[in-house]
Protein backbone atom coordinates (compact mmCIF):
# COMPACT_ATOMS: atom_id res chain seq x y z
CA ALA A 1 96.71 96.19 -10.75
CA GLY A 2 99.71 94.19 -12.18
CA THR A 3 97.38 92.34 -14.89
CA CYS A 4 96.60 92.53 -18.41
CA ASP A 5 93.73 92.62 -20.54
CA THR A 6 93.54 90.91 -24.34
CA LEU A 7 91.66 91.31 -27.31
CA THR A 8 91.87 89.89 -30.40
CA ILE A 9 91.07 90.92 -34.04
CA THR A 10 90.29 88.01 -36.46
CA GLY A 11 90.04 88.21 -40.27
CA VAL A 12 93.20 90.04 -40.63
CA THR A 13 93.80 87.89 -44.37
CA GLY A 14 97.49 86.61 -44.42
CA ALA A 15 98.59 87.30 -40.90
CA ALA A 16 101.06 84.72 -39.90
CA ASP A 17 103.48 84.09 -36.94
CA GLY A 18 106.28 86.28 -36.75
CA ASP A 19 105.13 88.89 -38.43
CA GLU A 20 105.42 92.21 -37.33
CA VAL A 21 102.22 94.42 -36.26
CA PHE A 22 102.13 98.32 -35.52
CA LEU A 23 99.18 99.57 -33.40
CA GLY A 24 97.13 102.65 -33.76
CA ILE A 25 96.22 103.68 -30.06
CA PRO A 26 93.53 106.66 -29.67
CA THR A 27 94.79 109.53 -27.62
CA ALA A 28 91.49 108.58 -25.92
CA LEU A 29 92.46 105.55 -25.20
CA SER A 30 96.33 106.06 -24.16
CA ALA A 31 95.56 108.57 -21.73
CA SER A 32 92.63 106.46 -19.71
CA ASP A 33 95.24 105.17 -17.50
CA THR A 34 98.74 106.44 -16.55
CA TYR A 35 100.64 103.08 -16.01
CA GLN A 36 99.23 101.00 -18.99
CA THR A 37 100.99 99.71 -22.06
CA PHE A 38 100.32 98.18 -25.10
CA GLN A 39 101.30 95.25 -27.14
CA GLY A 40 99.95 93.12 -30.81
CA TRP A 41 101.22 90.27 -32.19
CA VAL A 42 99.79 87.51 -34.64
CA SER A 43 98.39 85.24 -32.43
CA SER A 44 97.36 82.73 -35.27
CA ALA A 45 97.09 82.41 -38.86
CA ASP A 46 94.54 85.57 -40.03
CA THR A 47 94.28 86.51 -35.94
CA ILE A 48 96.06 89.32 -34.27
CA SER A 49 96.21 90.05 -30.38
CA ILE A 50 96.16 93.35 -28.26
CA LYS A 51 97.43 93.17 -24.71
CA ARG A 52 96.92 96.36 -22.63
CA CYS A 53 99.08 95.85 -19.17
CA ASN A 54 99.38 96.87 -16.18
CA VAL A 55 103.07 96.32 -15.33
CA LEU A 56 104.10 99.54 -13.83
CA ASN A 57 101.80 100.10 -10.86
CA SER A 58 101.07 96.89 -8.66
CA VAL A 59 98.70 98.60 -6.49
CA THR A 60 96.41 100.60 -9.01
CA ALA A 61 94.10 98.58 -11.35
CA LEU A 62 93.52 99.37 -15.07
CA SER A 63 90.38 101.54 -15.35
CA ASN A 64 87.28 100.03 -17.79
CA PRO A 65 88.18 102.77 -20.57
CA ALA A 66 84.87 104.02 -23.11
CA ALA A 67 84.69 102.03 -27.03
CA ALA A 68 87.56 102.51 -29.35
CA THR A 69 89.18 101.95 -32.55
CA VAL A 70 92.60 100.37 -32.48
CA ARG A 71 94.17 100.09 -35.60
CA ALA A 72 96.67 97.62 -36.18
CA THR A 73 99.32 97.15 -39.42
CA VAL A 74 100.61 94.19 -40.16
CA ILE A 75 103.89 93.41 -42.28
CA HIS A 76 103.84 89.98 -43.79
CA HIS A 77 107.30 88.80 -44.84
């Protein structure tokens, strides 16, 4: 409860610090927990991180959802 999970996607050629990251979260994953939020950012060169957090409920832990494909779009400036 009140924690986050972070996953990393490597091989995002050209992704650089400060680039914009847009996430495509599938319905099954977004509906797996009521209190979750998602954010994405370029965490190092050619790598993005996706964080799933439970910041709205300090009592209920996040579930362990089924595997899902999250799409990420990076806009390089």
